[in-house]
Structures are given as C-alpha cells and as structure tokens.
C-alpha cells in the first residue's frame, strides 16, 4: 500500500498520497468488520474459490482477499487499470 501511496504523492502531491493511504486503510477496516460483503466477481472470472474484492473509495484501486471458514486473508491491493484477471490467474 505504501508503494501506491508514494505513486499518488509523486503524481498529485503529498496530500493526495495521504488521502489514498487513508482511504485504503479505511477499506481494510470495513473488510475487517464485514468480510463477507466483498464482491466475488473477480474470483469467479479467475476461477479462484473464495476470492473477493473491495473498491477503495475515491481511488481506482481494489483490495483482494480470500474468505475461508475460519479466517480471512487480505492478499493484494491492485489498480483497476491493471489486468487483474491476468495477475490473479495461475499460469500452468
């Protein structure tokens, strides 16, 4: 998350980087409170069971997490312009 905040700060100033960091952190807190509310669409497209995503409010980014019966793992923060399916799909 710091790499993304640093990029925002370089592109739009320190205040933008701080807003991005705070928004990403707030999204993580929301995930912690209600993990089952994430969107399963990316997981379905990638055929990855239990993968859910949450958008970061105000920024073109999403958190990706795995939901299991006994735990919830935050995996990665990705930009929406990235080829998310290619990044998350396992190459054989």
PDB file of N, CA and C in Angstrom:
ATOM      1  N   UNK A   1       0.826  -1.189   0.000  1.00  0.00           N
ATOM      2  CA  UNK A   1       0.000   0.000   0.000  1.00  0.00           C
ATOM      3  C   UNK A   1       0.870   1.253   0.000  1.00  0.00           C
ATOM      4  N   UNK A   2       2.032   1.181   0.594  1.00  0.00           N
ATOM      5  CA  UNK A   2       2.892   2.371   0.614  1.00  0.00           C
ATOM      6  C   UNK A   2       3.410   2.720  -0.775  1.00  0.00           C
ATOM      7  N   UNK A   3       3.632   1.695  -1.605  1.00  0.00           N
ATOM      8  CA  UNK A   3       4.091   1.959  -2.980  1.00  0.00           C
ATOM      9  C   UNK A   3       3.032   2.750  -3.744  1.00  0.00           C
ATOM     10  N   UNK A   4       1.771   2.376  -3.573  1.00  0.00           N
ATOM     11  CA  UNK A   4       0.685   3.073  -4.248  1.00  0.00           C
ATOM     12  C   UNK A   4       0.531   4.496  -3.712  1.00  0.00           C
ATOM     13  N   UNK A   5       0.656   4.661  -2.397  1.00  0.00           N
ATOM     14  CA  UNK A   5       0.561   5.999  -1.792  1.00  0.00           C
ATOM     15  C   UNK A   5       1.711   6.885  -2.264  1.00  0.00           C
ATOM     16  N   UNK A   6       2.896   6.308  -2.369  1.00  0.00           N
ATOM     17  CA  UNK A   6       4.057   7.061  -2.856  1.00  0.00           C
ATOM     18  C   UNK A   6       3.822   7.511  -4.300  1.00  0.00           C
ATOM     19  N   UNK A   7       3.276   6.620  -5.123  1.00  0.00           N
ATOM     20  CA  UNK A   7       2.983   6.971  -6.509  1.00  0.00           C
ATOM     21  C   UNK A   7       1.991   8.134  -6.572  1.00  0.00           C
ATOM     22  N   UNK A   8       0.917   8.036  -5.776  1.00  0.00           N
ATOM     23  CA  UNK A   8      -0.079   9.127  -5.750  1.00  0.00           C
ATOM     24  C   UNK A   8       0.563  10.438  -5.307  1.00  0.00           C
ATOM     25  N   UNK A   9       1.442  10.365  -4.318  1.00  0.00           N
ATOM     26  CA  UNK A   9       2.110  11.566  -3.823  1.00  0.00           C
ATOM     27  C   UNK A   9       3.008  12.178  -4.899  1.00  0.00           C
ATOM     28  N   UNK A  10       3.697  11.336  -5.654  1.00  0.00           N
ATOM     29  CA  UNK A  10       4.562  11.851  -6.721  1.00  0.00           C
ATOM     30  C   UNK A  10       3.746  12.459  -7.853  1.00  0.00           C
ATOM     31  N   UNK A  11       2.594  11.885  -8.144  1.00  0.00           N
ATOM     32  CA  UNK A  11       1.765  12.368  -9.243  1.00  0.00           C
ATOM     33  C   UNK A  11       0.931  13.588  -8.878  1.00  0.00           C
ATOM     34  N   UNK A  12       0.412  13.611  -7.642  1.00  0.00           N
ATOM     35  CA  UNK A  12      -0.516  14.680  -7.292  1.00  0.00           C
ATOM     36  C   UNK A  12      -0.231  15.426  -6.007  1.00  0.00           C
ATOM     37  N   UNK A  13       0.899  15.142  -5.388  1.00  0.00           N
ATOM     38  CA  UNK A  13       1.273  15.835  -4.168  1.00  0.00           C
ATOM     39  C   UNK A  13       1.058  14.965  -2.932  1.00  0.00           C
ATOM     40  N   UNK A  14       1.702  15.369  -1.860  1.00  0.00           N
ATOM     41  CA  UNK A  14       1.675  14.614  -0.613  1.00  0.00           C
ATOM     42  C   UNK A  14       0.256  14.447  -0.079  1.00  0.00           C
ATOM     43  N   UNK A  15      -0.576  15.471  -0.198  1.00  0.00           N
ATOM     44  CA  UNK A  15      -1.947  15.378   0.311  1.00  0.00           C
ATOM     45  C   UNK A  15      -2.718  14.262  -0.398  1.00  0.00           C
ATOM     46  N   UNK A  16      -2.519  14.114  -1.699  1.00  0.00           N
ATOM     47  CA  UNK A  16      -3.190  13.042  -2.434  1.00  0.00           C
ATOM     48  C   UNK A  16      -2.698  11.677  -1.962  1.00  0.00           C
ATOM     49  N   UNK A  17      -1.396  11.536  -1.774  1.00  0.00           N
ATOM     50  CA  UNK A  17      -0.843  10.284  -1.270  1.00  0.00           C
ATOM     51  C   UNK A  17      -1.402   9.930   0.092  1.00  0.00           C
ATOM     52  N   UNK A  18      -1.533  10.923   0.960  1.00  0.00           N
ATOM     53  CA  UNK A  18      -2.109  10.695   2.291  1.00  0.00           C
ATOM     54  C   UNK A  18      -3.576  10.298   2.204  1.00  0.00           C
ATOM     55  N   UNK A  19      -4.332  10.941   1.314  1.00  0.00           N
ATOM     56  CA  UNK A  19      -5.753  10.585   1.142  1.00  0.00           C
ATOM     57  C   UNK A  19      -5.908   9.157   0.633  1.00  0.00           C
ATOM     58  N   UNK A  20      -5.042   8.774  -0.316  1.00  0.00           N
ATOM     59  CA  UNK A  20      -5.099   7.411  -0.840  1.00  0.00           C
ATOM     60  C   UNK A  20      -4.790   6.404   0.257  1.00  0.00           C
ATOM     61  N   UNK A  21      -3.752   6.663   1.029  1.00  0.00           N
ATOM     62  CA  UNK A  21      -3.367   5.769   2.119  1.00  0.00           C
ATOM     63  C   UNK A  21      -4.500   5.639   3.130  1.00  0.00           C
ATOM     64  N   UNK A  22      -5.088   6.764   3.518  1.00  0.00           N
ATOM     65  CA  UNK A  22      -6.195   6.748   4.480  1.00  0.00           C
ATOM     66  C   UNK A  22      -7.409   6.008   3.930  1.00  0.00           C
ATOM     67  N   UNK A  23      -7.718   6.211   2.649  1.00  0.00           N
ATOM     68  CA  UNK A  23      -8.865   5.529   2.034  1.00  0.00           C
ATOM     69  C   UNK A  23      -8.631   4.024   1.978  1.00  0.00           C
ATOM     70  N   UNK A  24      -7.418   3.612   1.638  1.00  0.00           N
ATOM     71  CA  UNK A  24      -7.104   2.180   1.588  1.00  0.00           C
ATOM     72  C   UNK A  24      -7.185   1.564   2.981  1.00  0.00           C
ATOM     73  N   UNK A  25      -6.726   2.285   3.983  1.00  0.00           N
ATOM     74  CA  UNK A  25      -6.801   1.807   5.363  1.00  0.00           C
ATOM     75  C   UNK A  25      -8.251   1.708   5.834  1.00  0.00           C
ATOM     76  N   UNK A  26      -9.070   2.688   5.496  1.00  0.00           N
ATOM     77  CA  UNK A  26     -10.489   2.640   5.860  1.00  0.00           C
ATOM     78  C   UNK A  26     -11.192   1.455   5.204  1.00  0.00           C
ATOM     79  N   UNK A  27     -10.810   1.143   3.972  1.00  0.00           N
ATOM     80  CA  UNK A  27     -11.384  -0.015   3.295  1.00  0.00           C
ATOM     81  C   UNK A  27     -10.994  -1.291   4.024  1.00  0.00           C
ATOM     82  N   UNK A  28      -9.742  -1.394   4.479  1.00  0.00           N
ATOM     83  CA  UNK A  28      -9.330  -2.569   5.249  1.00  0.00           C
ATOM     84  C   UNK A  28     -10.130  -2.712   6.533  1.00  0.00           C
ATOM     85  N   UNK A  29     -10.410  -1.594   7.187  1.00  0.00           N
ATOM     86  CA  UNK A  29     -11.223  -1.636   8.406  1.00  0.00           C
ATOM     87  C   UNK A  29     -12.636  -2.118   8.105  1.00  0.00           C
ATOM     88  N   UNK A  30     -13.189  -1.675   6.977  1.00  0.00           N
ATOM     89  CA  UNK A  30     -14.531  -2.123   6.574  1.00  0.00           C
ATOM     90  C   UNK A  30     -14.526  -3.617   6.267  1.00  0.00           C
ATOM     91  N   UNK A  31     -13.481  -4.102   5.628  1.00  0.00           N
ATOM     92  CA  UNK A  31     -13.347  -5.529   5.336  1.00  0.00           C
ATOM     93  C   UNK A  31     -13.323  -6.318   6.638  1.00  0.00           C
ATOM     94  N   UNK A  32     -12.591  -5.818   7.596  1.00  0.00           N
ATOM     95  CA  UNK A  32     -12.490  -6.492   8.897  1.00  0.00           C
ATOM     96  C   UNK A  32     -13.859  -6.593   9.582  1.00  0.00           C
ATOM     97  N   UNK A  33     -14.655  -5.532   9.467  1.00  0.00           N
ATOM     98  CA  UNK A  33     -15.975  -5.521  10.109  1.00  0.00           C
ATOM     99  C   UNK A  33     -16.969  -6.447   9.408  1.00  0.00           C
ATOM    100  N   UNK A  34     -16.944  -6.467   8.072  1.00  0.00           N
ATOM    101  CA  UNK A  34     -17.930  -7.251   7.308  1.00  0.00           C
ATOM    102  C   UNK A  34     -17.258  -7.946   6.124  1.00  0.00           C
ATOM    103  N   UNK A  35     -16.458  -8.971   6.382  1.00  0.00           N
ATOM    104  CA  UNK A  35     -15.675  -9.593   5.313  1.00  0.00           C
ATOM    105  C   UNK A  35     -16.505 -10.251   4.216  1.00  0.00           C
ATOM    106  N   UNK A  36     -17.683 -10.703   4.510  1.00  0.00           N
ATOM    107  CA  UNK A  36     -18.482 -11.425   3.510  1.00  0.00           C
ATOM    108  C   UNK A  36     -19.148 -10.503   2.493  1.00  0.00           C
ATOM    109  N   UNK A  37     -18.970  -9.210   2.625  1.00  0.00           N
ATOM    110  CA  UNK A  37     -19.651  -8.276   1.727  1.00  0.00           C
ATOM    111  C   UNK A  37     -18.852  -7.946   0.463  1.00  0.00           C
ATOM    112  N   UNK A  38     -17.655  -8.472   0.339  1.00  0.00           N
ATOM    113  CA  UNK A  38     -16.854  -8.209  -0.847  1.00  0.00           C
ATOM    114  C   UNK A  38     -17.466  -8.837  -2.087  1.00  0.00           C
ATOM    115  N   UNK A  39     -17.064  -8.329  -3.222  1.00  0.00           N
ATOM    116  CA  UNK A  39     -17.600  -8.813  -4.497  1.00  0.00           C
ATOM    117  C   UNK A  39     -16.859 -10.065  -4.958  1.00  0.00           C
ATOM    118  N   UNK A  40     -17.571 -11.131  -5.327  1.00  0.00           N
ATOM    119  CA  UNK A  40     -16.927 -12.370  -5.751  1.00  0.00           C
ATOM    120  C   UNK A  40     -16.597 -12.428  -7.242  1.00  0.00           C
ATOM    121  N   UNK A  41     -16.929 -11.413  -8.014  1.00  0.00           N
ATOM    122  CA  UNK A  41     -16.815 -11.468  -9.477  1.00  0.00           C
ATOM    123  C   UNK A  41     -15.400 -11.789  -9.974  1.00  0.00           C
ATOM    124  N   UNK A  42     -14.371 -11.150  -9.423  1.00  0.00           N
ATOM    125  CA  UNK A  42     -13.003 -11.418  -9.865  1.00  0.00           C
ATOM    126  C   UNK A  42     -12.622 -12.867  -9.596  1.00  0.00           C
ATOM    127  N   UNK A  43     -13.016 -13.375  -8.453  1.00  0.00           N
ATOM    128  CA  UNK A  43     -12.751 -14.774  -8.137  1.00  0.00           C
ATOM    129  C   UNK A  43     -13.426 -15.712  -9.113  1.00  0.00           C
ATOM    130  N   UNK A  44     -14.639 -15.367  -9.508  1.00  0.00           N
ATOM    131  CA  UNK A  44     -15.355 -16.186 -10.478  1.00  0.00           C
ATOM    132  C   UNK A  44     -14.664 -16.138 -11.839  1.00  0.00           C
ATOM    133  N   UNK A  45     -14.255 -14.950 -12.274  1.00  0.00           N
ATOM    134  CA  UNK A  45     -13.563 -14.812 -13.560  1.00  0.00           C
ATOM    135  C   UNK A  45     -12.234 -15.567 -13.594  1.00  0.00           C
ATOM    136  N   UNK A  46     -11.549 -15.579 -12.463  1.00  0.00           N
ATOM    137  CA  UNK A  46     -10.246 -16.241 -12.372  1.00  0.00           C
ATOM    138  C   UNK A  46     -10.359 -17.693 -11.932  1.00  0.00           C
ATOM    139  N   UNK A  47     -11.567 -18.104 -11.630  1.00  0.00           N
ATOM    140  CA  UNK A  47     -11.820 -19.451 -11.109  1.00  0.00           C
ATOM    141  C   UNK A  47     -11.021 -19.708  -9.837  1.00  0.00           C
ATOM    142  N   UNK A  48     -11.040 -18.713  -8.941  1.00  0.00           N
ATOM    143  CA  UNK A  48     -10.361 -18.821  -7.655  1.00  0.00           C
ATOM    144  C   UNK A  48     -11.423 -18.787  -6.566  1.00  0.00           C
ATOM    145  N   UNK A  49     -11.642 -19.926  -5.958  1.00  0.00           N
ATOM    146  CA  UNK A  49     -12.687 -20.058  -4.941  1.00  0.00           C
ATOM    147  C   UNK A  49     -12.360 -19.202  -3.708  1.00  0.00           C
ATOM    148  N   UNK A  50     -13.354 -18.457  -3.256  1.00  0.00           N
ATOM    149  CA  UNK A  50     -13.211 -17.656  -2.048  1.00  0.00           C
ATOM    150  C   UNK A  50     -12.603 -16.282  -2.237  1.00  0.00           C
ATOM    151  N   UNK A  51     -12.187 -15.932  -3.453  1.00  0.00           N
ATOM    152  CA  UNK A  51     -11.582 -14.621  -3.698  1.00  0.00           C
ATOM    153  C   UNK A  51     -12.677 -13.561  -3.786  1.00  0.00           C
ATOM    154  N   UNK A  52     -12.514 -12.491  -3.039  1.00  0.00           N
ATOM    155  CA  UNK A  52     -13.452 -11.372  -3.052  1.00  0.00           C
ATOM    156  C   UNK A  52     -12.665 -10.079  -3.212  1.00  0.00           C
ATOM    157  N   UNK A  53     -13.352  -9.032  -3.667  1.00  0.00           N
ATOM    158  CA  UNK A  53     -12.678  -7.741  -3.843  1.00  0.00           C
ATOM    159  C   UNK A  53     -13.517  -6.608  -3.258  1.00  0.00           C
ATOM    160  N   UNK A  54     -12.820  -5.546  -2.870  1.00  0.00           N
ATOM    161  CA  UNK A  54     -13.441  -4.326  -2.337  1.00  0.00           C
ATOM    162  C   UNK A  54     -12.777  -3.138  -2.994  1.00  0.00           C
ATOM    163  N   UNK A  55     -13.568  -2.221  -3.464  1.00  0.00           N
ATOM    164  CA  UNK A  55     -13.026  -0.983  -4.044  1.00  0.00           C
ATOM    165  C   UNK A  55     -12.634  -0.012  -2.945  1.00  0.00           C
ATOM    166  N   UNK A  56     -11.566   0.714  -3.216  1.00  0.00           N
ATOM    167  CA  UNK A  56     -11.106   1.769  -2.314  1.00  0.00           C
ATOM    168  C   UNK A  56     -11.854   3.032  -2.718  1.00  0.00           C
ATOM    169  N   UNK A  57     -12.621   3.572  -1.804  1.00  0.00           N
ATOM    170  CA  UNK A  57     -13.474   4.727  -2.088  1.00  0.00           C
ATOM    171  C   UNK A  57     -12.651   5.917  -2.575  1.00  0.00           C
ATOM    172  N   UNK A  58     -13.003   6.406  -3.762  1.00  0.00           N
ATOM    173  CA  UNK A  58     -12.367   7.597  -4.306  1.00  0.00           C
ATOM    174  C   UNK A  58     -11.098   7.349  -5.110  1.00  0.00           C
ATOM    175  N   UNK A  59     -10.675   6.092  -5.215  1.00  0.00           N
ATOM    176  CA  UNK A  59      -9.449   5.775  -5.943  1.00  0.00           C
ATOM    177  C   UNK A  59      -9.682   4.542  -6.806  1.00  0.00           C
ATOM    178  N   UNK A  60      -9.018   4.456  -7.951  1.00  0.00           N
ATOM    179  CA  UNK A  60      -9.211   3.303  -8.842  1.00  0.00           C
ATOM    180  C   UNK A  60      -8.374   2.102  -8.393  1.00  0.00           C
ATOM    181  N   UNK A  61      -8.679   1.618  -7.195  1.00  0.00           N
ATOM    182  CA  UNK A  61      -7.940   0.501  -6.609  1.00  0.00           C
ATOM    183  C   UNK A  61      -8.910  -0.443  -5.923  1.00  0.00           C
ATOM    184  N   UNK A  62      -8.479  -1.701  -5.802  1.00  0.00           N
ATOM    185  CA  UNK A  62      -9.284  -2.704  -5.111  1.00  0.00           C
ATOM    186  C   UNK A  62      -8.383  -3.571  -4.237  1.00  0.00           C
ATOM    187  N   UNK A  63      -8.911  -3.939  -3.066  1.00  0.00           N
ATOM    188  CA  UNK A  63      -8.273  -4.937  -2.221  1.00  0.00           C
ATOM    189  C   UNK A  63      -8.797  -6.294  -2.631  1.00  0.00           C
ATOM    190  N   UNK A  64      -7.936  -7.303  -2.638  1.00  0.00           N
ATOM    191  CA  UNK A  64      -8.339  -8.676  -2.928  1.00  0.00           C
ATOM    192  C   UNK A  64      -8.034  -9.538  -1.711  1.00  0.00           C
ATOM    193  N   UNK A  65      -9.027 -10.355  -1.352  1.00  0.00           N
ATOM    194  CA  UNK A  65      -8.929 -11.152  -0.139  1.00  0.00           C
ATOM    195  C   UNK A  65      -9.513 -12.534  -0.369  1.00  0.00           C
ATOM    196  N   UNK A  66      -9.074 -13.485   0.472  1.00  0.00           N
ATOM    197  CA  UNK A  66      -9.638 -14.827   0.451  1.00  0.00           C
ATOM    198  C   UNK A  66     -10.484 -15.034   1.684  1.00  0.00           C
ATOM    199  N   UNK A  67     -11.648 -15.588   1.468  1.00  0.00           N
ATOM    200  CA  UNK A  67     -12.554 -15.896   2.563  1.00  0.00           C
ATOM    201  C   UNK A  67     -12.581 -17.408   2.741  1.00  0.00           C
ATOM    202  N   UNK A  68     -12.287 -17.867   3.952  1.00  0.00           N
ATOM    203  CA  UNK A  68     -12.364 -19.278   4.302  1.00  0.00           C
ATOM    204  C   UNK A  68     -13.272 -19.413   5.519  1.00  0.00           C
ATOM    205  N   UNK A  69     -13.563 -20.632   5.902  1.00  0.00           N
ATOM    206  CA  UNK A  69     -14.470 -20.843   7.036  1.00  0.00           C
ATOM    207  C   UNK A  69     -13.954 -20.228   8.326  1.00  0.00           C
ATOM    208  N   UNK A  70     -12.660 -20.365   8.597  1.00  0.00           N
ATOM    209  CA  UNK A  70     -12.117 -19.955   9.887  1.00  0.00           C
ATOM    210  C   UNK A  70     -11.204 -18.728   9.836  1.00  0.00           C
ATOM    211  N   UNK A  71     -11.003 -18.156   8.661  1.00  0.00           N
ATOM    212  CA  UNK A  71     -10.134 -16.988   8.578  1.00  0.00           C
ATOM    213  C   UNK A  71     -10.419 -16.186   7.312  1.00  0.00           C
ATOM    214  N   UNK A  72      -9.787 -15.005   7.274  1.00  0.00           N
ATOM    215  CA  UNK A  72      -9.940 -14.109   6.144  1.00  0.00           C
ATOM    216  C   UNK A  72      -8.585 -13.482   5.880  1.00  0.00           C
ATOM    217  N   UNK A  73      -8.035 -13.679   4.687  1.00  0.00           N
ATOM    218  CA  UNK A  73      -6.692 -13.196   4.370  1.00  0.00           C
ATOM    219  C   UNK A  73      -6.731 -12.106   3.313  1.00  0.00           C
ATOM    220  N   UNK A  74      -6.181 -10.938   3.659  1.00  0.00           N
ATOM    221  CA  UNK A  74      -6.026  -9.854   2.692  1.00  0.00           C
ATOM    222  C   UNK A  74      -4.778 -10.186   1.889  1.00  0.00           C
ATOM    223  N   UNK A  75      -4.929 -10.193   0.569  1.00  0.00           N
ATOM    224  CA  UNK A  75      -3.841 -10.647  -0.283  1.00  0.00           C
ATOM    225  C   UNK A  75      -3.106  -9.505  -0.973  1.00  0.00           C
ATOM    226  N   UNK A  76      -3.865  -8.624  -1.637  1.00  0.00           N
ATOM    227  CA  UNK A  76      -3.185  -7.663  -2.504  1.00  0.00           C
ATOM    228  C   UNK A  76      -4.059  -6.459  -2.803  1.00  0.00           C
ATOM    229  N   UNK A  77      -3.405  -5.317  -3.006  1.00  0.00           N
ATOM    230  CA  UNK A  77      -4.051  -4.100  -3.463  1.00  0.00           C
ATOM    231  C   UNK A  77      -3.628  -3.899  -4.912  1.00  0.00           C
ATOM    232  N   UNK A  78      -4.610  -3.830  -5.817  1.00  0.00           N
ATOM    233  CA  UNK A  78      -4.315  -3.659  -7.236  1.00  0.00           C
ATOM    234  C   UNK A  78      -5.065  -2.468  -7.813  1.00  0.00           C
ATOM    235  N   UNK A  79      -4.450  -1.828  -8.786  1.00  0.00           N
ATOM    236  CA  UNK A  79      -5.108  -0.757  -9.514  1.00  0.00           C
ATOM    237  C   UNK A  79      -6.116  -1.329 -10.495  1.00  0.00           C
ATOM    238  N   UNK A  80      -7.232  -0.654 -10.669  1.00  0.00           N
ATOM    239  CA  UNK A  80      -8.289  -1.155 -11.546  1.00  0.00           C
ATOM    240  C   UNK A  80      -7.897  -1.144 -13.016  1.00  0.00           C
ATOM    241  N   UNK A  81      -6.881  -0.396 -13.391  1.00  0.00           N
ATOM    242  CA  UNK A  81      -6.445  -0.374 -14.794  1.00  0.00           C
ATOM    243  C   UNK A  81      -5.487  -1.518 -15.110  1.00  0.00           C
ATOM    244  N   UNK A  82      -5.044  -2.211 -14.087  1.00  0.00           N
ATOM    245  CA  UNK A  82      -4.192  -3.364 -14.306  1.00  0.00           C
ATOM    246  C   UNK A  82      -5.042  -4.514 -14.834  1.00  0.00           C
ATOM    247  N   UNK A  83      -4.415  -5.472 -15.480  1.00  0.00           N
ATOM    248  CA  UNK A  83      -5.126  -6.656 -15.958  1.00  0.00           C
ATOM    249  C   UNK A  83      -5.255  -7.612 -14.774  1.00  0.00           C
ATOM    250  N   UNK A  84      -6.274  -7.382 -13.980  1.00  0.00           N
ATOM    251  CA  UNK A  84      -6.459  -8.113 -12.728  1.00  0.00           C
ATOM    252  C   UNK A  84      -6.597  -9.608 -12.970  1.00  0.00           C
ATOM    253  N   UNK A  85      -7.356  -9.989 -13.984  1.00  0.00           N
ATOM    254  CA  UNK A  85      -7.547 -11.413 -14.265  1.00  0.00           C
ATOM    255  C   UNK A  85      -6.200 -12.064 -14.597  1.00  0.00           C
ATOM    256  N   UNK A  86      -5.379 -11.422 -15.413  1.00  0.00           N
ATOM    257  CA  UNK A  86      -4.070 -11.982 -15.762  1.00  0.00           C
ATOM    258  C   UNK A  86      -3.165 -12.067 -14.543  1.00  0.00           C
ATOM    259  N   UNK A  87      -3.210 -11.086 -13.674  1.00  0.00           N
ATOM    260  CA  UNK A  87      -2.362 -11.082 -12.483  1.00  0.00           C
ATOM    261  C   UNK A  87      -2.775 -12.193 -11.521  1.00  0.00           C
ATOM    262  N   UNK A  88      -4.077 -12.398 -11.366  1.00  0.00           N
ATOM    263  CA  UNK A  88      -4.559 -13.356 -10.376  1.00  0.00           C
ATOM    264  C   UNK A  88      -4.700 -14.781 -10.897  1.00  0.00           C
ATOM    265  N   UNK A  89      -4.666 -14.957 -12.198  1.00  0.00           N
ATOM    266  CA  UNK A  89      -4.816 -16.291 -12.763  1.00  0.00           C
ATOM    267  C   UNK A  89      -3.486 -17.019 -12.723  1.00  0.00           C
ATOM    268  N   UNK A  90      -3.530 -18.230 -12.213  1.00  0.00           N
ATOM    269  CA  UNK A  90      -2.320 -19.045 -12.128  1.00  0.00           C
ATOM    270  C   UNK A  90      -1.988 -19.578 -13.513  1.00  0.00           C
ATOM    271  N   UNK A  91      -0.764 -19.369 -13.926  1.00  0.00           N
ATOM    272  CA  UNK A  91      -0.314 -19.848 -15.221  1.00  0.00           C
ATOM    273  C   UNK A  91       0.252 -21.258 -15.058  1.00  0.00           C
ATOM    274  N   UNK A  92      -0.216 -22.169 -15.889  1.00  0.00           N
ATOM    275  CA  UNK A  92       0.270 -23.565 -15.817  1.00  0.00           C
ATOM    276  C   UNK A  92       1.229 -23.856 -16.930  1.00  0.00           C
TER     277      UNK A  92
END
